[in-house]
Amino acid sequence: MDLKSMTMEELEACITGLGEKKFRAGQMYQWLHEKLVEDYDQMTNLSQTFREKLQDQYPLTKLKMLEMQESAIDGTRKYLFELSDGNVIESVWMKYHHGNSVCISSQVGCRMGCRFCASTLDGLERNLLPSEMLEQIYGIIRHTGERVSNVVVMGTGEPLDNYDNLLRFIQLLTAEKGQHISQRNITVSTCGLVEKMRQLAEEKLQITLALSLHAPTDEKRRELMPVANKYSLKELIPTCQYYFEQTGRRITFEYSLVAGVNDTEEEAEELIALIQHLNCHVNLIPVNPIKERNYRQSGRDNILRFKNKLEKNKINVTIRREMGRDIDGACGQLRRRYTLQRKGE
């Protein structure tokens, strides 16, 4: 049993089952999710006997920080955490004028196989528990001493492939007696698992859903993303519309621009035709080159041309600000380098 993944109600049931008073659960919940302690010994208003019982029966989920890289360019920090089973995951802390953002992983590895992503090169190891997702944020708050106002589930893994744990993580992160981060300040990324997107829409959460689109046609998308062999744009685009209808939240389309692959004027026109009827936002991402692939970033002029064409057709668009390019900035790079070093490769 993982106490840090429990809701207040579940924690109350667990604590009363141990013969303790119900209010002890509230005290523990505060220690875990508001004060962010890592050890039962720090829970000073609980009896020594009770703390020892908890330690024996319910060891707390902890992450060990193995490495932290800080960008000399913009102060972005990339963290490498070790889980209790020896697996490693990475998270990113980014400082913006509107507050601090943390990008977290939802799985150890990924099975989606997107061609430009380092996260998927070694496949999927396992899902992360809600507590392991939370602890990435909590560990960074403890380390920086600063509050986090925005959370992006866009690190290693496909969040909707870990659906139940993702939902519980959101519930705990937004709970009034925890960090109480607004749902509107949470973004969840997906490569396009249609059934799970529809299921998420029906939860009627106020989070932002970001779809990794990356190409305006099925043929091109299949080259970049194996998931496109299962879900066509004919299914995906109506699902995006359904998400908006159910939640009132516009979809964000993530579009990584790869030189000579998906950044031509023709592809900009195809993208406009595909999405101009939707209430949406396009986030253009200059692709992060990884040594295992030969993809190159589009030139600045091409990126601006692509952006201007979308804007002229009344599509909301931004170019993602590049953060931490000097510190293994792309998703999965730091974890992969560490894993290869550990194997002696």
C-alpha atoms as a PDB file:
ATOM      1  CA  MET A   1       0.000   0.000   0.000  1.00  0.00           C
ATOM      2  CA  ASP A   2       1.316   3.406  -0.993  1.00  0.00           C
ATOM      3  CA  LEU A   3       0.092   6.056   1.468  1.00  0.00           C
ATOM      4  CA  LYS A   4       1.272   8.950  -0.698  1.00  0.00           C
ATOM      5  CA  SER A   5      -0.996   7.790  -3.533  1.00  0.00           C
ATOM      6  CA  MET A   6      -4.086   7.710  -1.289  1.00  0.00           C
ATOM      7  CA  THR A   7      -6.847  10.294  -1.216  1.00  0.00           C
ATOM      8  CA  MET A   8      -7.814  11.774   2.164  1.00  0.00           C
ATOM      9  CA  GLU A   9     -10.805   9.397   2.395  1.00  0.00           C
ATOM     10  CA  GLU A  10      -8.640   6.342   1.674  1.00  0.00           C
ATOM     11  CA  LEU A  11      -6.039   7.508   4.171  1.00  0.00           C
ATOM     12  CA  GLU A  12      -8.738   7.924   6.833  1.00  0.00           C
ATOM     13  CA  ALA A  13      -9.955   4.361   6.235  1.00  0.00           C
ATOM     14  CA  CYS A  14      -6.387   3.059   6.401  1.00  0.00           C
ATOM     15  CA  ILE A  15      -5.495   4.929   9.605  1.00  0.00           C
ATOM     16  CA  THR A  16      -8.701   3.985  11.457  1.00  0.00           C
ATOM     17  CA  GLY A  17      -8.054   0.392  10.350  1.00  0.00           C
ATOM     18  CA  LEU A  18      -4.775   0.612  12.290  1.00  0.00           C
ATOM     19  CA  GLY A  19      -6.717   1.612  15.412  1.00  0.00           C
ATOM     20  CA  GLU A  20      -5.860   5.314  15.270  1.00  0.00           C
ATOM     21  CA  LYS A  21      -8.227   8.287  15.435  1.00  0.00           C
ATOM     22  CA  LYS A  22      -9.573   9.570  12.100  1.00  0.00           C
ATOM     23  CA  PHE A  23      -8.037  13.049  12.507  1.00  0.00           C
ATOM     24  CA  ARG A  24      -4.547  11.512  12.352  1.00  0.00           C
ATOM     25  CA  ALA A  25      -5.120  11.001   8.617  1.00  0.00           C
ATOM     26  CA  GLY A  26      -5.534  14.760   8.150  1.00  0.00           C
ATOM     27  CA  GLN A  27      -2.286  15.386  10.013  1.00  0.00           C
ATOM     28  CA  MET A  28      -0.455  12.835   7.866  1.00  0.00           C
ATOM     29  CA  TYR A  29      -1.949  14.181   4.650  1.00  0.00           C
ATOM     30  CA  GLN A  30      -0.675  17.657   5.560  1.00  0.00           C
ATOM     31  CA  TRP A  31       2.807  16.335   6.318  1.00  0.00           C
ATOM     32  CA  LEU A  32       2.928  14.418   3.023  1.00  0.00           C
ATOM     33  CA  HIS A  33       1.329  16.827   0.546  1.00  0.00           C
ATOM     34  CA  GLU A  34       1.651  20.314   2.054  1.00  0.00           C
ATOM     35  CA  LYS A  35       4.789  20.227   4.199  1.00  0.00           C
ATOM     36  CA  LEU A  36       6.370  17.674   1.833  1.00  0.00           C
ATOM     37  CA  VAL A  37       8.250  15.658   4.450  1.00  0.00           C
ATOM     38  CA  GLU A  38      10.158  12.580   3.322  1.00  0.00           C
ATOM     39  CA  ASP A  39      10.218  10.612   6.562  1.00  0.00           C
ATOM     40  CA  TYR A  40       7.783   9.548   9.268  1.00  0.00           C
ATOM     41  CA  ASP A  41      10.234  10.813  11.918  1.00  0.00           C
ATOM     42  CA  GLN A  42       9.510  14.350  10.740  1.00  0.00           C
ATOM     43  CA  MET A  43       5.803  13.926  11.584  1.00  0.00           C
ATOM     44  CA  THR A  44       6.325  15.234  15.101  1.00  0.00           C
ATOM     45  CA  ASN A  45       2.648  15.312  16.173  1.00  0.00           C
ATOM     46  CA  LEU A  46       2.329  11.530  15.688  1.00  0.00           C
ATOM     47  CA  SER A  47       3.386   9.171  18.486  1.00  0.00           C
ATOM     48  CA  GLN A  48       6.689   7.314  18.206  1.00  0.00           C
ATOM     49  CA  THR A  49       4.850   3.967  18.351  1.00  0.00           C
ATOM     50  CA  PHE A  50       2.510   4.946  15.511  1.00  0.00           C
ATOM     51  CA  ARG A  51       5.410   6.217  13.395  1.00  0.00           C
ATOM     52  CA  GLU A  52       7.280   2.944  13.852  1.00  0.00           C
ATOM     53  CA  LYS A  53       4.165   0.967  12.899  1.00  0.00           C
ATOM     54  CA  LEU A  54       3.787   3.070   9.726  1.00  0.00           C
ATOM     55  CA  GLN A  55       7.455   2.638   8.837  1.00  0.00           C
ATOM     56  CA  ASP A  56       7.159  -1.142   9.125  1.00  0.00           C
ATOM     57  CA  GLN A  57       3.904  -1.503   7.195  1.00  0.00           C
ATOM     58  CA  TYR A  58       3.851   1.446   4.787  1.00  0.00           C
ATOM     59  CA  PRO A  59       7.322   2.579   3.646  1.00  0.00           C
ATOM     60  CA  LEU A  60       7.063   6.030   2.058  1.00  0.00           C
ATOM     61  CA  THR A  61       7.696   6.504  -1.657  1.00  0.00           C
ATOM     62  CA  LYS A  62      10.979   8.360  -2.089  1.00  0.00           C
ATOM     63  CA  LEU A  63      13.033   9.479  -5.054  1.00  0.00           C
ATOM     64  CA  LYS A  64      16.802   9.881  -4.872  1.00  0.00           C
ATOM     65  CA  MET A  65      18.251  12.801  -6.815  1.00  0.00           C
ATOM     66  CA  LEU A  66      21.175  11.409  -8.826  1.00  0.00           C
ATOM     67  CA  GLU A  67      22.017  14.438 -10.901  1.00  0.00           C
ATOM     68  CA  MET A  68      20.972  18.035 -11.482  1.00  0.00           C
ATOM     69  CA  GLN A  69      22.034  20.070 -14.489  1.00  0.00           C
ATOM     70  CA  GLU A  70      21.446  23.816 -14.536  1.00  0.00           C
ATOM     71  CA  SER A  71      21.409  25.801 -17.761  1.00  0.00           C
ATOM     72  CA  ALA A  72      23.874  28.683 -17.932  1.00  0.00           C
ATOM     73  CA  ILE A  73      21.554  30.252 -20.523  1.00  0.00           C
ATOM     74  CA  ASP A  74      18.216  30.504 -18.729  1.00  0.00           C
ATOM     75  CA  GLY A  75      18.473  28.761 -15.336  1.00  0.00           C
ATOM     76  CA  THR A  76      16.416  25.747 -16.408  1.00  0.00           C
ATOM     77  CA  ARG A  77      17.211  22.734 -14.251  1.00  0.00           C
ATOM     78  CA  LYS A  78      17.048  19.127 -15.323  1.00  0.00           C
ATOM     79  CA  TYR A  79      16.793  16.480 -12.621  1.00  0.00           C
ATOM     80  CA  LEU A  80      17.589  12.783 -12.777  1.00  0.00           C
ATOM     81  CA  PHE A  81      15.785  10.805 -10.057  1.00  0.00           C
ATOM     82  CA  GLU A  82      16.264   7.178  -9.045  1.00  0.00           C
ATOM     83  CA  LEU A  83      13.203   5.152  -8.025  1.00  0.00           C
ATOM     84  CA  SER A  84      13.163   2.534  -5.259  1.00  0.00           C
ATOM     85  CA  ASP A  85      13.585  -0.284  -7.826  1.00  0.00           C
ATOM     86  CA  GLY A  86      16.710   1.305  -9.385  1.00  0.00           C
ATOM     87  CA  ASN A  87      14.965   2.693 -12.474  1.00  0.00           C
ATOM     88  CA  VAL A  88      15.674   6.326 -13.340  1.00  0.00           C
ATOM     89  CA  ILE A  89      13.399   9.130 -14.559  1.00  0.00           C
ATOM     90  CA  GLU A  90      13.916  12.786 -15.405  1.00  0.00           C
ATOM     91  CA  SER A  91      12.055  16.009 -14.700  1.00  0.00           C
ATOM     92  CA  VAL A  92      12.588  19.641 -15.668  1.00  0.00           C
ATOM     93  CA  TRP A  93      12.136  22.898 -13.695  1.00  0.00           C
ATOM     94  CA  MET A  94      11.638  26.059 -15.750  1.00  0.00           C
ATOM     95  CA  LYS A  95      11.413  29.605 -14.434  1.00  0.00           C
ATOM     96  CA  TYR A  96       9.051  31.964 -16.250  1.00  0.00           C
ATOM     97  CA  HIS A  97       7.885  35.491 -15.391  1.00  0.00           C
ATOM     98  CA  HIS A  98       4.407  34.083 -14.627  1.00  0.00           C
ATOM     99  CA  GLY A  99       5.720  31.419 -12.222  1.00  0.00           C
ATOM    100  CA  ASN A 100       7.685  28.183 -12.059  1.00  0.00           C
ATOM    101  CA  SER A 101       6.784  25.206 -14.258  1.00  0.00           C
ATOM    102  CA  VAL A 102       7.767  21.585 -13.763  1.00  0.00           C
ATOM    103  CA  CYS A 103       7.672  19.004 -16.540  1.00  0.00           C
ATOM    104  CA  ILE A 104       7.367  15.465 -15.188  1.00  0.00           C
ATOM    105  CA  SER A 105       7.570  11.911 -16.486  1.00  0.00           C
ATOM    106  CA  SER A 106       4.603   9.542 -16.264  1.00  0.00           C
ATOM    107  CA  GLN A 107       6.340   6.262 -17.156  1.00  0.00           C
ATOM    108  CA  VAL A 108       9.791   4.694 -17.021  1.00  0.00           C
ATOM    109  CA  GLY A 109      10.522   4.707 -20.744  1.00  0.00           C
ATOM    110  CA  CYS A 110       7.800   4.708 -23.393  1.00  0.00           C
ATOM    111  CA  ARG A 111       6.368   2.225 -25.876  1.00  0.00           C
ATOM    112  CA  MET A 112       4.984   4.720 -28.418  1.00  0.00           C
ATOM    113  CA  GLY A 113       8.104   4.799 -30.610  1.00  0.00           C
ATOM    114  CA  CYS A 114       7.946   8.403 -31.883  1.00  0.00           C
ATOM    115  CA  ARG A 115      10.915   8.777 -34.216  1.00  0.00           C
ATOM    116  CA  PHE A 116      12.303  12.088 -32.920  1.00  0.00           C
ATOM    117  CA  CYS A 117      12.070  11.269 -29.188  1.00  0.00           C
ATOM    118  CA  ALA A 118      14.896   9.881 -27.030  1.00  0.00           C
ATOM    119  CA  SER A 119      12.417   8.686 -24.361  1.00  0.00           C
ATOM    120  CA  THR A 120      11.228   5.763 -26.427  1.00  0.00           C
ATOM    121  CA  LEU A 121      14.548   4.335 -27.614  1.00  0.00           C
ATOM    122  CA  ASP A 122      14.708   1.657 -24.900  1.00  0.00           C
ATOM    123  CA  GLY A 123      10.973   0.891 -24.801  1.00  0.00           C
ATOM    124  CA  LEU A 124       8.669   0.883 -21.781  1.00  0.00           C
ATOM    125  CA  GLU A 125       9.885  -0.400 -18.412  1.00  0.00           C
ATOM    126  CA  ARG A 126       6.797   0.329 -16.247  1.00  0.00           C
ATOM    127  CA  ASN A 127       4.174   2.890 -15.229  1.00  0.00           C
ATOM    128  CA  LEU A 128       4.859   5.413 -12.489  1.00  0.00           C
ATOM    129  CA  LEU A 129       2.703   5.444  -9.361  1.00  0.00           C
ATOM    130  CA  PRO A 130       0.799   8.651  -8.539  1.00  0.00           C
ATOM    131  CA  SER A 131       3.217   9.184  -5.632  1.00  0.00           C
ATOM    132  CA  GLU A 132       6.228   8.864  -7.959  1.00  0.00           C
ATOM    133  CA  MET A 133       4.719  11.496 -10.236  1.00  0.00           C
ATOM    134  CA  LEU A 134       4.028  13.768  -7.259  1.00  0.00           C
ATOM    135  CA  GLU A 135       7.485  13.232  -5.787  1.00  0.00           C
ATOM    136  CA  GLN A 136       9.133  14.678  -8.892  1.00  0.00           C
ATOM    137  CA  ILE A 137       7.346  17.956  -8.133  1.00  0.00           C
ATOM    138  CA  TYR A 138       7.822  17.712  -4.363  1.00  0.00           C
ATOM    139  CA  GLY A 139      11.534  16.930  -4.728  1.00  0.00           C
ATOM    140  CA  ILE A 140      12.045  19.948  -6.975  1.00  0.00           C
ATOM    141  CA  ILE A 141      10.122  22.229  -4.577  1.00  0.00           C
ATOM    142  CA  ARG A 142      12.311  20.994  -1.703  1.00  0.00           C
ATOM    143  CA  HIS A 143      15.471  21.525  -3.739  1.00  0.00           C
ATOM    144  CA  THR A 144      14.658  24.985  -5.138  1.00  0.00           C
ATOM    145  CA  GLY A 145      12.715  26.279  -2.135  1.00  0.00           C
ATOM    146  CA  GLU A 146      10.229  27.799  -4.585  1.00  0.00           C
ATOM    147  CA  ARG A 147       6.561  27.151  -5.257  1.00  0.00           C
ATOM    148  CA  VAL A 148       5.479  25.470  -8.494  1.00  0.00           C
ATOM    149  CA  SER A 149       2.474  27.046 -10.222  1.00  0.00           C
ATOM    150  CA  ASN A 150       2.306  25.043 -13.489  1.00  0.00           C
ATOM    151  CA  VAL A 151       2.759  21.330 -14.143  1.00  0.00           C
ATOM    152  CA  VAL A 152       3.237  19.725 -17.541  1.00  0.00           C
ATOM    153  CA  VAL A 153       2.953  15.951 -17.898  1.00  0.00           C
ATOM    154  CA  MET A 154       5.070  15.881 -21.012  1.00  0.00           C
ATOM    155  CA  GLY A 155       8.274  14.145 -19.929  1.00  0.00           C
ATOM    156  CA  THR A 156       9.131  10.504 -20.547  1.00  0.00           C
ATOM    157  CA  GLY A 157       6.107   8.296 -21.211  1.00  0.00           C
ATOM    158  CA  GLU A 158       2.608   8.514 -22.692  1.00  0.00           C
ATOM    159  CA  PRO A 159       0.421   9.801 -19.825  1.00  0.00           C
ATOM    160  CA  LEU A 160      -2.816   8.297 -21.191  1.00  0.00           C
ATOM    161  CA  ASP A 161      -1.078   4.902 -21.303  1.00  0.00           C
ATOM    162  CA  ASN A 162      -0.967   5.240 -17.488  1.00  0.00           C
ATOM    163  CA  TYR A 163      -4.522   6.549 -17.269  1.00  0.00           C
ATOM    164  CA  ASP A 164      -5.741   5.594 -13.773  1.00  0.00           C
ATOM    165  CA  ASN A 165      -2.532   6.684 -12.056  1.00  0.00           C
ATOM    166  CA  LEU A 166      -2.571   9.950 -14.025  1.00  0.00           C
ATOM    167  CA  LEU A 167      -6.108  10.762 -12.857  1.00  0.00           C
ATOM    168  CA  ARG A 168      -5.251  10.038  -9.243  1.00  0.00           C
ATOM    169  CA  PHE A 169      -2.105  12.176  -9.531  1.00  0.00           C
ATOM    170  CA  ILE A 170      -4.197  15.113 -10.809  1.00  0.00           C
ATOM    171  CA  GLN A 171      -6.714  14.609  -7.993  1.00  0.00           C
ATOM    172  CA  LEU A 172      -3.960  14.706  -5.346  1.00  0.00           C
ATOM    173  CA  LEU A 173      -2.048  17.609  -6.914  1.00  0.00           C
ATOM    174  CA  THR A 174      -5.145  19.807  -7.118  1.00  0.00           C
ATOM    175  CA  ALA A 175      -6.571  18.838  -3.688  1.00  0.00           C
ATOM    176  CA  GLU A 176      -7.277  21.800  -1.427  1.00  0.00           C
ATOM    177  CA  LYS A 177      -5.219  20.380   1.442  1.00  0.00           C
ATOM    178  CA  GLY A 178      -2.177  19.590  -0.713  1.00  0.00           C
ATOM    179  CA  GLN A 179      -0.351  21.789  -3.226  1.00  0.00           C
ATOM    180  CA  HIS A 180      -3.766  22.956  -4.498  1.00  0.00           C
ATOM    181  CA  ILE A 181      -2.536  23.645  -8.040  1.00  0.00           C
ATOM    182  CA  SER A 182      -5.394  24.695 -10.314  1.00  0.00           C
ATOM    183  CA  GLN A 183      -6.484  22.154 -12.939  1.00  0.00           C
ATOM    184  CA  ARG A 184      -6.176  24.976 -15.470  1.00  0.00           C
ATOM    185  CA  ASN A 185      -2.451  25.088 -14.694  1.00  0.00           C
ATOM    186  CA  ILE A 186      -1.941  21.429 -15.600  1.00  0.00           C
ATOM    187  CA  THR A 187      -1.180  20.288 -19.154  1.00  0.00           C
ATOM    188  CA  VAL A 188      -1.250  16.626 -20.184  1.00  0.00           C
ATOM    189  CA  SER A 189       0.352  15.548 -23.445  1.00  0.00           C
ATOM    190  CA  THR A 190      -0.721  12.596 -25.593  1.00  0.00           C
ATOM    191  CA  CYS A 191       0.391  11.156 -28.912  1.00  0.00           C
ATOM    192  CA  GLY A 192      -3.283  10.452 -29.648  1.00  0.00           C
ATOM    193  CA  LEU A 193      -4.840   7.442 -27.895  1.00  0.00           C
ATOM    194  CA  VAL A 194      -8.371   8.081 -29.118  1.00  0.00           C
ATOM    195  CA  GLU A 195     -10.347   5.951 -26.623  1.00  0.00           C
ATOM    196  CA  LYS A 196      -8.451   7.405 -23.669  1.00  0.00           C
ATOM    197  CA  MET A 197      -8.874  10.962 -25.000  1.00  0.00           C
ATOM    198  CA  ARG A 198     -12.644  10.419 -25.126  1.00  0.00           C
ATOM    199  CA  GLN A 199     -12.617   8.917 -21.646  1.00  0.00           C
ATOM    200  CA  LEU A 200     -10.638  11.918 -20.371  1.00  0.00           C
ATOM    201  CA  ALA A 201     -13.084  14.317 -22.038  1.00  0.00           C
ATOM    202  CA  GLU A 202     -15.917  12.679 -20.089  1.00  0.00           C
ATOM    203  CA  GLU A 203     -14.110  13.329 -16.779  1.00  0.00           C
ATOM    204  CA  LYS A 204     -14.801  17.013 -17.556  1.00  0.00           C
ATOM    205  CA  LEU A 205     -11.557  18.187 -15.962  1.00  0.00           C
ATOM    206  CA  GLN A 206     -10.290  21.701 -16.631  1.00  0.00           C
ATOM    207  CA  ILE A 207      -6.777  20.633 -17.610  1.00  0.00           C
ATOM    208  CA  THR A 208      -5.227  21.463 -20.985  1.00  0.00           C
ATOM    209  CA  LEU A 209      -4.865  18.513 -23.351  1.00  0.00           C
ATOM    210  CA  ALA A 210      -1.914  18.786 -25.733  1.00  0.00           C
ATOM    211  CA  LEU A 211      -1.924  16.487 -28.761  1.00  0.00           C
ATOM    212  CA  SER A 212       1.396  15.596 -30.372  1.00  0.00           C
ATOM    213  CA  LEU A 213       0.343  16.121 -33.986  1.00  0.00           C
ATOM    214  CA  HIS A 214       3.641  16.780 -35.820  1.00  0.00           C
ATOM    215  CA  ALA A 215       2.225  16.247 -39.311  1.00  0.00           C
ATOM    216  CA  PRO A 216      -0.902  17.261 -41.216  1.00  0.00           C
ATOM    217  CA  THR A 217      -1.437  13.974 -43.097  1.00  0.00           C
ATOM    218  CA  ASP A 218      -1.707  10.332 -42.036  1.00  0.00           C
ATOM    219  CA  GLU A 219       1.066   9.316 -44.406  1.00  0.00           C
ATOM    220  CA  LYS A 220       3.579  11.791 -42.970  1.00  0.00           C
ATOM    221  CA  ARG A 221       2.426  11.187 -39.399  1.00  0.00           C
ATOM    222  CA  ARG A 222       2.987   7.434 -39.784  1.00  0.00           C
ATOM    223  CA  GLU A 223       6.615   8.141 -40.734  1.00  0.00           C
ATOM    224  CA  LEU A 224       7.154  10.029 -37.483  1.00  0.00           C
ATOM    225  CA  MET A 225       4.748   8.310 -35.079  1.00  0.00           C
ATOM    226  CA  PRO A 226       3.916   4.571 -35.122  1.00  0.00           C
ATOM    227  CA  VAL A 227       0.687   5.302 -33.169  1.00  0.00           C
ATOM    228  CA  ALA A 228      -0.662   6.841 -36.390  1.00  0.00           C
ATOM    229  CA  ASN A 229      -0.889   3.326 -37.827  1.00  0.00           C
ATOM    230  CA  LYS A 230      -3.682   2.648 -35.331  1.00  0.00           C
ATOM    231  CA  TYR A 231      -5.446   6.024 -35.154  1.00  0.00           C
ATOM    232  CA  SER A 232      -6.081   8.075 -38.281  1.00  0.00           C
ATOM    233  CA  LEU A 233      -6.604  11.832 -38.361  1.00  0.00           C
ATOM    234  CA  LYS A 234     -10.240  11.117 -39.324  1.00  0.00           C
ATOM    235  CA  GLU A 235     -10.678   9.685 -35.807  1.00  0.00           C
ATOM    236  CA  LEU A 236      -8.305  12.012 -34.011  1.00  0.00           C
ATOM    237  CA  ILE A 237      -9.589  15.426 -35.120  1.00  0.00           C
ATOM    238  CA  PRO A 238     -13.268  14.728 -34.206  1.00  0.00           C
ATOM    239  CA  THR A 239     -11.994  13.451 -30.839  1.00  0.00           C
ATOM    240  CA  CYS A 240     -10.269  16.809 -30.293  1.00  0.00           C
ATOM    241  CA  GLN A 241     -13.574  18.538 -31.073  1.00  0.00           C
ATOM    242  CA  TYR A 242     -15.335  16.198 -28.625  1.00  0.00           C
ATOM    243  CA  TYR A 243     -12.817  17.102 -25.915  1.00  0.00           C
ATOM    244  CA  PHE A 244     -13.578  20.800 -26.408  1.00  0.00           C
ATOM    245  CA  GLU A 245     -17.343  20.195 -26.378  1.00  0.00           C
ATOM    246  CA  GLN A 246     -17.163  18.225 -23.133  1.00  0.00           C
ATOM    247  CA  THR A 247     -14.749  20.475 -21.237  1.00  0.00           C
ATOM    248  CA  GLY A 248     -14.814  23.918 -22.885  1.00  0.00           C
ATOM    249  CA  ARG A 249     -11.005  23.703 -23.002  1.00  0.00           C
ATOM    250  CA  ARG A 250      -9.299  24.321 -26.317  1.00  0.00           C
ATOM    251  CA  ILE A 251      -6.846  21.704 -27.567  1.00  0.00           C
ATOM    252  CA  THR A 252      -3.162  22.493 -27.972  1.00  0.00           C
ATOM    253  CA  PHE A 253      -1.486  20.914 -30.986  1.00  0.00           C
ATOM    254  CA  GLU A 254       2.221  20.217 -30.524  1.00  0.00           C
ATOM    255  CA  TYR A 255       4.038  20.381 -33.855  1.00  0.00           C
ATOM    256  CA  SER A 256       7.781  19.617 -33.896  1.00  0.00           C
ATOM    257  CA  LEU A 257       9.325  21.200 -36.963  1.00  0.00           C
ATOM    258  CA  VAL A 258      11.867  18.918 -38.644  1.00  0.00           C
ATOM    259  CA  ALA A 259      13.888  20.357 -41.542  1.00  0.00           C
ATOM    260  CA  GLY A 260      12.744  18.958 -44.889  1.00  0.00           C
ATOM    261  CA  VAL A 261      10.278  16.564 -43.242  1.00  0.00           C
ATOM    262  CA  ASN A 262       7.199  18.508 -42.121  1.00  0.00           C
ATOM    263  CA  ASP A 263       8.045  22.220 -42.425  1.00  0.00           C
ATOM    264  CA  THR A 264       7.136  23.152 -46.023  1.00  0.00           C
ATOM    265  CA  GLU A 265       4.592  25.739 -47.136  1.00  0.00           C
ATOM    266  CA  GLU A 266       2.420  22.937 -48.516  1.00  0.00           C
ATOM    267  CA  GLU A 267       2.366  21.226 -45.123  1.00  0.00           C
ATOM    268  CA  ALA A 268       1.417  24.505 -43.440  1.00  0.00           C
ATOM    269  CA  GLU A 269      -1.568  24.728 -45.839  1.00  0.00           C
ATOM    270  CA  GLU A 270      -2.540  21.112 -45.110  1.00  0.00           C
ATOM    271  CA  LEU A 271      -2.361  21.814 -41.374  1.00  0.00           C
ATOM    272  CA  ILE A 272      -4.620  24.876 -41.781  1.00  0.00           C
ATOM    273  CA  ALA A 273      -7.195  22.819 -43.697  1.00  0.00           C
ATOM    274  CA  LEU A 274      -7.076  20.131 -41.008  1.00  0.00           C
ATOM    275  CA  ILE A 275      -7.594  22.249 -37.884  1.00  0.00           C
ATOM    276  CA  GLN A 276      -8.936  25.698 -38.793  1.00  0.00           C
ATOM    277  CA  HIS A 277     -12.492  24.753 -37.749  1.00  0.00           C
ATOM    278  CA  LEU A 278     -11.347  23.854 -34.196  1.00  0.00           C
ATOM    279  CA  ASN A 279     -10.954  26.031 -31.131  1.00  0.00           C
ATOM    280  CA  CYS A 280      -7.259  25.290 -30.758  1.00  0.00           C
ATOM    281  CA  HIS A 281      -3.740  26.568 -30.264  1.00  0.00           C
ATOM    282  CA  VAL A 282      -0.651  25.424 -32.163  1.00  0.00           C
ATOM    283  CA  ASN A 283       2.680  25.172 -30.361  1.00  0.00           C
ATOM    284  CA  LEU A 284       5.509  25.038 -32.909  1.00  0.00           C
ATOM    285  CA  ILE A 285       8.539  23.243 -31.485  1.00  0.00           C
ATOM    286  CA  PRO A 286      11.987  23.512 -33.085  1.00  0.00           C
ATOM    287  CA  VAL A 287      12.923  19.821 -32.833  1.00  0.00           C
ATOM    288  CA  ASN A 288      15.721  18.871 -30.423  1.00  0.00           C
ATOM    289  CA  PRO A 289      18.263  16.839 -32.422  1.00  0.00           C
ATOM    290  CA  ILE A 290      19.205  13.481 -30.844  1.00  0.00           C
ATOM    291  CA  LYS A 291      22.259  11.545 -31.958  1.00  0.00           C
ATOM    292  CA  GLU A 292      20.302   8.311 -32.607  1.00  0.00           C
ATOM    293  CA  ARG A 293      18.307  10.021 -35.395  1.00  0.00           C
ATOM    294  CA  ASN A 294      19.343  12.237 -38.284  1.00  0.00           C
ATOM    295  CA  TYR A 295      16.563  14.826 -37.862  1.00  0.00           C
ATOM    296  CA  ARG A 296      17.621  18.453 -38.051  1.00  0.00           C
ATOM    297  CA  GLN A 297      15.902  21.532 -36.695  1.00  0.00           C
ATOM    298  CA  SER A 298      14.131  23.764 -39.221  1.00  0.00           C
ATOM    299  CA  GLY A 299      15.856  27.075 -39.943  1.00  0.00           C
ATOM    300  CA  ARG A 300      14.597  30.212 -38.186  1.00  0.00           C
ATOM    301  CA  ASP A 301      13.211  31.675 -41.427  1.00  0.00           C
ATOM    302  CA  ASN A 302      11.257  28.499 -42.169  1.00  0.00           C
ATOM    303  CA  ILE A 303       9.815  28.423 -38.639  1.00  0.00           C
ATOM    304  CA  LEU A 304       8.670  32.051 -38.907  1.00  0.00           C
ATOM    305  CA  ARG A 305       7.210  31.467 -42.384  1.00  0.00           C
ATOM    306  CA  PHE A 306       5.248  28.478 -41.077  1.00  0.00           C
ATOM    307  CA  LYS A 307       3.996  30.506 -38.096  1.00  0.00           C
ATOM    308  CA  ASN A 308       2.968  33.511 -40.196  1.00  0.00           C
ATOM    309  CA  LYS A 309       0.980  31.326 -42.596  1.00  0.00           C
ATOM    310  CA  LEU A 310      -1.026  29.864 -39.719  1.00  0.00           C
ATOM    311  CA  GLU A 311      -1.616  33.298 -38.189  1.00  0.00           C
ATOM    312  CA  LYS A 312      -2.869  34.721 -41.475  1.00  0.00           C
ATOM    313  CA  ASN A 313      -5.522  32.010 -41.357  1.00  0.00           C
ATOM    314  CA  LYS A 314      -6.588  33.056 -37.842  1.00  0.00           C
ATOM    315  CA  ILE A 315      -4.994  30.106 -36.038  1.00  0.00           C
ATOM    316  CA  ASN A 316      -3.505  30.855 -32.608  1.00  0.00           C
ATOM    317  CA  VAL A 317       0.159  29.898 -32.720  1.00  0.00           C
ATOM    318  CA  THR A 318       3.318  30.296 -30.665  1.00  0.00           C
ATOM    319  CA  ILE A 319       6.888  29.111 -31.101  1.00  0.00           C
ATOM    320  CA  ARG A 320       7.941  27.257 -27.979  1.00  0.00           C
ATOM    321  CA  ARG A 321      10.707  29.088 -26.182  1.00  0.00           C
ATOM    322  CA  GLU A 322      13.720  26.816 -26.137  1.00  0.00           C
ATOM    323  CA  MET A 323      14.757  26.099 -22.574  1.00  0.00           C
ATOM    324  CA  GLY A 324      17.878  24.313 -21.361  1.00  0.00           C
ATOM    325  CA  ARG A 325      19.418  23.528 -24.741  1.00  0.00           C
ATOM    326  CA  ASP A 326      22.862  23.333 -23.104  1.00  0.00           C
ATOM    327  CA  ILE A 327      21.830  20.621 -20.579  1.00  0.00           C
ATOM    328  CA  ASP A 328      20.518  17.548 -22.459  1.00  0.00           C
ATOM    329  CA  GLY A 329      17.390  19.615 -23.055  1.00  0.00           C
ATOM    330  CA  ALA A 330      15.331  17.162 -25.094  1.00  0.00           C
ATOM    331  CA  CYS A 331      13.028  14.767 -23.320  1.00  0.00           C
ATOM    332  CA  GLY A 332      14.760  11.503 -22.381  1.00  0.00           C
ATOM    333  CA  GLN A 333      18.321  12.557 -23.217  1.00  0.00           C
ATOM    334  CA  LEU A 334      19.669  12.776 -19.670  1.00  0.00           C
ATOM    335  CA  ARG A 335      18.080   9.464 -18.646  1.00  0.00           C
ATOM    336  CA  ARG A 336      19.405   7.728 -21.756  1.00  0.00           C
ATOM    337  CA  ARG A 337      22.955   9.031 -21.259  1.00  0.00           C
ATOM    338  CA  TYR A 338      22.938   7.876 -17.621  1.00  0.00           C
ATOM    339  CA  THR A 339      21.518   4.439 -18.516  1.00  0.00           C
ATOM    340  CA  LEU A 340      24.125   3.880 -21.241  1.00  0.00           C
ATOM    341  CA  GLN A 341      26.936   4.932 -18.886  1.00  0.00           C
ATOM    342  CA  ARG A 342      25.650   2.498 -16.266  1.00  0.00           C
ATOM    343  CA  LYS A 343      25.721  -0.301 -18.843  1.00  0.00           C
ATOM    344  CA  GLY A 344      29.240   0.744 -19.850  1.00  0.00           C
ATOM    345  CA  GLU A 345      28.240   1.613 -23.425  1.00  0.00           C
END
